Protein backbone atom coordinates (compact mmCIF):
# COMPACT_ATOMS: atom_id res chain seq x y z
CA MET A 1 104.82 -178.66 -21.53
CA LYS A 2 107.56 -176.13 -22.04
CA LYS A 3 109.32 -175.66 -18.85
CA THR A 4 111.05 -172.30 -18.31
CA ILE A 5 113.83 -171.19 -16.12
CA ILE A 6 111.82 -168.38 -14.94
CA GLY A 7 110.47 -170.98 -12.87
CA PHE A 8 108.33 -173.82 -13.08
CA SER A 9 110.71 -176.46 -11.79
CA LEU A 10 110.37 -178.20 -8.45
CA ALA A 11 113.27 -175.94 -7.32
CA GLY A 12 111.12 -172.89 -7.96
CA LEU A 13 108.51 -174.24 -5.61
CA LEU A 14 110.87 -175.52 -3.02
CA LEU A 15 113.58 -172.92 -2.77
CA ALA A 16 111.77 -170.07 -1.38
CA GLY A 17 111.37 -171.90 1.95
CA GLY A 18 108.58 -174.21 1.07
CA TYR A 19 106.05 -171.25 1.10
CA ALA A 20 106.38 -169.52 -2.24
CA THR A 21 105.50 -171.11 -5.60
CA THR A 22 107.81 -170.20 -8.60
CA SER A 23 109.28 -166.74 -8.49
CA PHE A 24 107.36 -165.87 -11.64
CA ALA A 25 104.06 -167.17 -10.55
CA SER A 26 104.21 -165.77 -7.10
CA ASP A 27 104.34 -162.29 -8.73
CA THR A 28 100.94 -162.87 -10.38
CA VAL A 29 99.01 -161.83 -7.39
CA THR A 30 95.70 -160.23 -7.94
CA SER A 31 96.82 -157.09 -6.05
CA ALA A 32 95.75 -153.54 -6.66
CA GLU A 33 99.19 -152.36 -5.94
CA LYS A 34 100.18 -151.67 -9.56
CA GLY A 35 103.27 -149.87 -8.72
CA GLU A 36 104.69 -152.84 -7.01
CA LEU A 37 103.65 -155.19 -9.65
CA SER A 38 105.28 -152.98 -12.29
CA TRP A 39 108.50 -152.86 -10.33
CA LYS A 40 108.53 -156.64 -9.93
CA PHE A 41 107.79 -157.38 -13.47
CA LYS A 42 110.19 -154.85 -14.86
CA ASN A 43 112.99 -156.38 -12.85
CA LYS A 44 111.84 -159.94 -13.46
CA TRP A 45 112.54 -159.56 -17.14
CA PHE A 46 115.36 -157.24 -17.39
CA GLY A 47 117.26 -157.69 -14.24
CA HIS A 48 120.12 -159.23 -16.13
CA TYR A 49 121.05 -156.11 -18.04
CA GLY A 50 124.34 -154.74 -16.55
CA ARG A 51 123.91 -157.20 -13.64
CA GLY A 52 126.13 -159.91 -12.27
CA PHE A 53 129.20 -157.78 -11.74
CA THR A 54 129.17 -157.17 -8.00
CA ASN A 55 132.56 -156.90 -6.65
CA ASP A 56 134.07 -158.31 -9.86
CA SER A 57 135.61 -155.53 -11.96
CA GLU A 58 137.26 -158.04 -14.38
CA SER A 59 133.83 -159.23 -15.59
CA VAL A 60 132.68 -155.72 -16.01
CA LEU A 61 135.81 -154.90 -18.27
CA GLN A 62 135.23 -158.15 -20.11
CA ARG A 63 131.68 -157.61 -21.00
CA ALA A 64 132.38 -154.01 -22.02
CA GLU A 65 135.06 -155.08 -24.33
CA GLU A 66 132.88 -157.82 -25.70
CA LEU A 67 130.28 -155.03 -26.64
CA GLY A 68 132.80 -152.70 -28.04
CA ILE A 69 132.60 -150.19 -25.25
CA LYS A 70 135.67 -148.09 -24.48
CA THR A 71 136.73 -148.60 -20.77
CA GLU A 72 139.53 -146.08 -20.43
CA GLY A 73 138.83 -143.52 -17.69
CA LYS A 74 135.44 -145.01 -16.70
CA ASP A 75 134.61 -146.58 -13.27
CA ALA A 76 132.64 -149.71 -12.87
CA GLU A 77 129.31 -148.01 -12.28
CA THR A 78 129.69 -145.96 -15.43
CA LEU A 79 130.54 -149.03 -17.42
CA ILE A 80 127.66 -151.07 -16.00
CA GLY A 81 125.28 -148.32 -17.19
CA GLU A 82 126.77 -148.31 -20.70
CA ILE A 83 126.61 -152.10 -20.73
CA ARG A 84 122.97 -152.11 -19.71
CA GLU A 85 122.18 -149.60 -22.55
CA GLU A 86 124.10 -151.52 -25.22
CA GLU A 87 122.46 -154.84 -24.21
CA ILE A 88 119.00 -153.39 -24.46
CA LEU A 89 119.76 -151.75 -27.85
CA LYS A 90 121.22 -155.03 -29.07
CA GLU A 91 118.07 -156.98 -28.05
CA ALA A 92 115.70 -154.45 -29.52
CA LYS A 93 117.48 -154.72 -32.91
CA GLU A 94 117.36 -158.64 -32.82
CA LEU A 95 113.55 -158.30 -32.18
CA GLY A 96 113.14 -155.87 -35.06
CA ILE A 97 112.25 -152.94 -32.90
CA LYS A 98 113.17 -149.52 -34.16
CA THR A 99 115.61 -147.73 -31.92
CA ASP A 100 116.01 -144.30 -33.54
CA GLY A 101 115.07 -141.46 -31.16
CA LYS A 102 114.21 -143.74 -28.29
CA ASP A 103 115.78 -143.69 -24.92
CA THR A 104 116.86 -146.82 -22.99
CA GLU A 105 113.71 -147.07 -20.79
CA ASP A 106 111.26 -146.79 -23.80
CA LEU A 107 113.19 -149.46 -25.56
CA MET A 108 113.19 -151.73 -22.68
CA LYS A 109 109.52 -151.49 -22.33
CA GLU A 110 109.10 -152.34 -25.97
CA VAL A 111 111.50 -155.26 -25.67
CA MET A 112 109.61 -156.46 -22.59
CA LEU A 113 106.19 -156.32 -24.40
CA ALA A 114 107.57 -158.02 -27.46
CA LYS A 115 108.88 -160.91 -25.32
CA LEU A 116 105.66 -161.17 -23.44
CA LYS A 117 103.62 -161.32 -26.57
CA LYS A 118 105.77 -164.07 -27.91
CA GLU A 119 105.61 -166.19 -24.78
CA ALA A 120 101.77 -165.53 -24.50
CA ALA A 121 101.21 -166.62 -28.09
CA GLU A 122 103.18 -169.91 -27.27
CA LEU A 123 100.72 -170.43 -24.45
CA GLY A 124 97.67 -169.73 -26.64
CA ILE A 125 96.97 -166.51 -24.95
CA LYS A 126 95.45 -163.64 -26.93
CA THR A 127 97.70 -160.61 -26.88
CA GLU A 128 95.57 -157.96 -28.76
CA GLY A 129 94.91 -154.82 -26.80
CA LYS A 130 96.78 -156.01 -23.66
CA ASP A 131 99.56 -154.21 -21.98
CA ALA A 132 102.60 -155.82 -20.47
CA GLU A 133 101.32 -156.12 -17.00
CA ALA A 134 98.25 -157.86 -18.15
CA LEU A 135 100.11 -160.29 -20.23
CA HIS A 136 102.60 -160.99 -17.50
CA GLU A 137 99.80 -161.93 -15.12
CA GLU A 138 98.10 -164.15 -17.70
CA ILE A 139 101.27 -165.87 -18.56
CA GLY A 140 101.99 -166.53 -14.83
CA THR A 141 98.56 -167.77 -14.22
CA ALA A 142 98.66 -170.18 -17.23
CA LYS A 143 101.95 -171.57 -16.13
CA LEU A 144 100.73 -171.96 -12.61
CA LYS A 145 97.84 -174.00 -13.92
CA GLU A 146 100.22 -176.18 -15.83
CA GLU A 147 102.36 -176.71 -12.90
CA ALA A 148 99.30 -177.73 -10.94
CA LYS A 149 98.35 -180.24 -13.58
CA GLU A 150 101.76 -181.85 -13.47
CA LEU A 151 101.53 -182.22 -9.75
CA GLY A 152 98.01 -183.65 -9.97
CA VAL A 153 96.48 -180.66 -8.29
CA SER A 154 92.98 -179.76 -9.57
CA THR A 155 92.55 -176.09 -10.81
CA GLU A 156 88.72 -176.03 -10.92
CA ASP A 157 87.00 -173.37 -9.08
CA LYS A 158 90.10 -172.22 -7.31
CA ASP A 159 91.55 -168.72 -6.99
CA LEU A 160 95.22 -168.14 -7.49
CA ASP A 161 96.01 -167.90 -3.82
CA THR A 162 94.49 -171.20 -3.10
CA LEU A 163 96.13 -172.82 -6.13
CA LYS A 164 99.53 -171.61 -5.14
CA LYS A 165 99.17 -172.95 -1.68
CA GLU A 166 98.04 -176.42 -2.88
CA ILE A 167 101.05 -176.42 -5.36
CA GLN A 168 103.37 -175.62 -2.54
CA ALA A 169 102.05 -178.38 -0.54
CA ALA A 170 102.03 -180.94 -3.38
CA SER A 171 105.62 -179.92 -4.31
CA LEU A 172 106.98 -180.28 -0.70
CA ASN A 173 105.15 -183.58 -0.16
CA LYS A 174 106.74 -184.92 -3.31
CA LYS A 175 110.13 -183.88 -2.28
CA ALA A 176 109.66 -185.10 1.31
CA LYS A 177 108.66 -188.55 -0.07
CA GLU A 178 111.81 -188.66 -2.23
CA LEU A 179 113.80 -187.97 1.00
CA GLY A 180 111.92 -190.48 3.19
CA ILE A 181 110.41 -187.70 5.31
CA SER A 182 107.10 -188.29 6.95
CA THR A 183 104.56 -185.49 6.08
CA ASP A 184 101.93 -186.45 8.78
CA GLY A 185 100.61 -183.49 10.78
CA LYS A 186 103.42 -181.03 9.46
CA ASP A 187 102.76 -177.64 8.13
CA LEU A 188 104.67 -176.31 5.18
CA GLN A 189 107.21 -174.40 7.12
CA THR A 190 108.21 -177.39 9.22
CA LEU A 191 108.29 -179.61 6.19
CA SER A 192 110.48 -177.22 4.18
CA GLU A 193 112.91 -177.04 7.12
CA GLU A 194 112.99 -180.75 7.37
CA ILE A 195 113.58 -181.10 3.62
CA TYR A 196 116.46 -178.61 3.73
CA THR A 197 118.12 -180.34 6.68
CA ALA A 198 117.79 -183.71 5.13
CA SER A 199 119.09 -182.49 1.74
CA VAL A 200 122.16 -180.96 3.30
CA LYS A 201 122.87 -184.10 5.33
CA LYS A 202 122.42 -186.30 2.25
CA GLU A 203 124.98 -184.19 0.29
CA ALA A 204 127.42 -184.06 3.21
CA GLU A 205 127.35 -187.84 3.57
CA LYS A 206 128.11 -188.26 -0.12
CA LEU A 207 131.14 -186.00 0.15
CA GLY A 208 132.30 -187.60 3.37
CA ILE A 209 131.84 -184.25 5.33
CA SER A 210 131.12 -184.62 8.92
CA ILE A 211 128.35 -182.04 10.12
CA GLU A 212 127.85 -183.31 13.57
CA GLY A 213 127.38 -180.48 16.03
CA LYS A 214 127.27 -177.86 13.22
CA ASP A 215 124.44 -175.50 12.63
CA ILE A 216 122.67 -176.74 9.39
CA ARG A 217 123.32 -173.48 7.58
CA GLU A 218 126.93 -173.57 8.44
CA ALA A 219 127.11 -177.25 7.37
CA TRP A 220 125.58 -176.27 4.01
CA GLN A 221 128.17 -173.63 3.31
CA GLU A 222 130.85 -176.17 3.84
CA VAL A 223 128.98 -178.60 1.53
CA PHE A 224 128.37 -175.89 -1.04
CA SER A 225 132.10 -174.83 -1.05
CA VAL A 226 133.29 -178.56 -1.60
CA MET A 227 130.80 -179.26 -4.34
CA VAL A 228 131.54 -175.94 -6.25
CA LYS A 229 135.17 -176.66 -6.15
CA ILE A 230 134.58 -180.18 -7.47
CA GLU A 231 132.69 -178.80 -10.34
CA ALA A 232 135.21 -176.14 -10.98
CA LYS A 233 137.93 -178.80 -11.32
CA GLU A 234 135.85 -180.97 -13.57
CA LEU A 235 135.32 -177.93 -15.79
CA GLY A 236 139.02 -176.82 -15.79
CA ILE A 237 138.31 -173.64 -13.78
CA SER A 238 141.12 -172.35 -11.60
CA ILE A 239 140.21 -171.60 -7.98
CA ASP A 240 143.38 -169.90 -6.99
CA GLY A 241 142.92 -166.81 -4.99
CA LYS A 242 139.19 -166.70 -5.71
CA PHE A 243 136.26 -166.33 -3.37
CA ILE A 244 133.70 -169.38 -3.44
CA GLN A 245 131.09 -166.93 -4.91
CA GLN A 246 133.29 -166.01 -7.79
CA ILE A 247 134.09 -169.68 -8.49
CA ALA A 248 130.42 -170.52 -8.36
CA GLN A 249 129.65 -167.85 -10.91
CA GLU A 250 132.42 -169.00 -13.21
CA VAL A 251 131.03 -172.57 -12.97
CA ARG A 252 127.60 -171.40 -13.99
CA GLU A 253 128.92 -169.32 -16.87
CA LYS A 254 130.96 -172.27 -18.19
CA LYS A 255 128.07 -174.74 -17.93
CA VAL A 256 125.82 -172.43 -19.85
CA THR A 257 128.37 -171.61 -22.48
CA ASP A 258 129.23 -175.36 -23.05
CA LEU A 259 125.51 -176.14 -23.17
CA ALA A 260 125.08 -173.32 -25.78
CA LYS A 261 127.87 -174.78 -28.00
CA ASP A 262 126.50 -178.16 -27.74
CA LEU A 263 123.21 -176.98 -29.04
CA GLY A 264 124.93 -175.11 -31.90
CA ILE A 265 124.11 -171.63 -30.44
CA SER A 266 126.74 -168.95 -31.10
CA THR A 267 128.29 -167.59 -27.87
CA ASN A 268 130.02 -164.65 -29.49
CA ASN A 269 129.54 -161.30 -27.67
CA LYS A 270 126.59 -162.66 -25.59
CA SER A 271 126.15 -162.53 -21.86
CA THR A 272 125.30 -165.55 -19.84
CA ALA A 273 121.66 -164.24 -19.45
CA GLU A 274 121.38 -163.91 -23.20
CA LEU A 275 122.67 -167.49 -23.69
CA ILE A 276 120.23 -168.78 -21.04
CA SER A 277 117.33 -167.05 -22.88
CA GLU A 278 118.36 -168.67 -26.21
CA ILE A 279 119.06 -172.02 -24.75
CA GLU A 280 115.59 -172.05 -23.12
CA GLU A 281 113.94 -171.44 -26.51
CA LYS A 282 115.84 -174.31 -28.08
CA ASP A 283 115.89 -176.97 -25.34
CA SER A 284 114.54 -175.83 -21.97
CA ALA A 285 114.78 -179.41 -20.50
CA LYS A 286 118.59 -179.41 -21.00
CA LEU A 287 118.89 -175.88 -19.55
CA GLN A 288 116.89 -177.05 -16.47
CA GLY A 289 119.21 -180.09 -16.24
CA VAL A 290 122.25 -177.87 -16.21
CA LEU A 291 121.01 -175.07 -13.82
CA GLY A 292 118.46 -176.86 -11.73
CA GLU A 293 120.28 -179.75 -10.25
CA ASN A 294 120.97 -180.84 -6.71
CA PHE A 295 123.29 -178.68 -4.84
CA MET A 296 121.83 -175.34 -6.15
CA ASP A 297 118.39 -176.47 -5.12
CA ILE A 298 119.54 -176.88 -1.58
CA LYS A 299 121.72 -173.71 -1.70
CA GLU A 300 118.85 -171.53 -2.74
CA LEU A 301 116.47 -172.99 -0.21
CA GLY A 302 118.77 -172.11 2.63
CA MET A 303 119.94 -168.78 1.30
CA LYS A 304 116.40 -167.45 0.41
CA GLU A 305 115.20 -168.49 3.86
CA MET A 306 118.05 -166.63 5.53
CA ARG A 307 117.35 -163.61 3.33
CA GLY A 308 113.66 -163.66 4.01
CA SER A 309 111.73 -160.58 4.89
CA HIS A 310 111.62 -161.51 8.54
CA GLY A 311 114.90 -163.39 8.66
CA HIS A 312 115.58 -165.75 11.46
CA GLY A 313 113.73 -165.50 14.71
CA LYS A 314 115.63 -165.39 18.00
CA ASP A 315 115.37 -169.07 18.12
CA GLY A 316 117.16 -169.31 14.89
CA SER A 317 114.12 -170.78 13.06
CA MET A 318 113.57 -170.09 9.45
CA LYS A 319 110.75 -167.76 8.50
CA GLN A 320 108.63 -168.40 5.41
CA ARG A 321 108.52 -165.76 2.73
CA VAL A 322 107.60 -165.33 -0.90
CA SER A 323 110.66 -164.93 -3.13
CA LYS A 324 111.01 -161.84 -5.31
CA GLU A 325 114.19 -162.99 -6.88
CA SER A 326 114.53 -164.21 -10.41
CA LEU A 327 116.08 -167.41 -10.96
CA THR A 328 117.83 -166.10 -13.94
CA GLU A 329 119.87 -163.43 -12.26
CA THR A 330 123.55 -163.83 -11.50
CA GLY A 331 124.41 -162.65 -8.04
CA THR A 332 127.93 -162.84 -6.68
CA ASP A 333 126.69 -161.89 -3.28
CA SER A 334 124.75 -165.30 -2.87
CA GLY A 335 126.94 -167.49 -4.92
CA SER A 336 123.97 -168.48 -6.96
CA LEU A 337 124.63 -170.45 -10.13
CA LEU A 338 121.09 -170.23 -11.14
């Protein structure tokens, strides 16, 4: 099975608090709310255009220069808009899509449809006469069933809702077993909290960090900071005067660039998101190994629970939610490397 970074790893099932399945599959709900589905699916595929620059003007200027965009007299917001347009135009040309006389939004829709058709074909899904939303849903459903198969979950006579819940349970039970956590009589929310806590403690112990008396989320921030700095040092990235989120982003970008070079993929004038897409096509397993390992799994579990639609209750407990975030997006606000 071809694994994708748009989500069918254990991380995708675990990170959203033990309740959501993968970020892609969770969007394939059989909802009549077409407007909401359209918004989700548009952002799922093209959220990387002009993104990843929050509070980082240097990366905006760098990306603009890479694309041959003049920067003089333009603020960050203007440049991000131009970067977005140029990246969409570039991808359309690479896909053989005619660009003359088309605005950015129309091109984006055509690129989206072309990508969906390609992925659908790889999964054996017929594309004739289907629009982007229909293909998006069928792709998500097909991948969900593949994920179920890998986890030993039967798909026969089950609707998507039931299937997602069973995949969630199977994934959490698998992770709990790896960590030596008993699953008897525990609901998914309780189990996800225990997995998160145990994972943080395990990483803290490896690093010799004492977390006694600390809130588990506070403890994770400390663990995350140390781990990011270790990786930065190993990769030759300076941390001087940088916020941890910026360091984390640079680590992610360096790891993706290095992997691309190892696989013989040209990195010239390409964003991290573009490289991720190309690497995934060539060797998705290696990409998963680079972006889906240990500390980011725990990081995203904690951060997504804290950013849930209900947040924390008065008792500080973590509320379950379905993630709407793409694992491919770079966000300097969360420090995500994924």
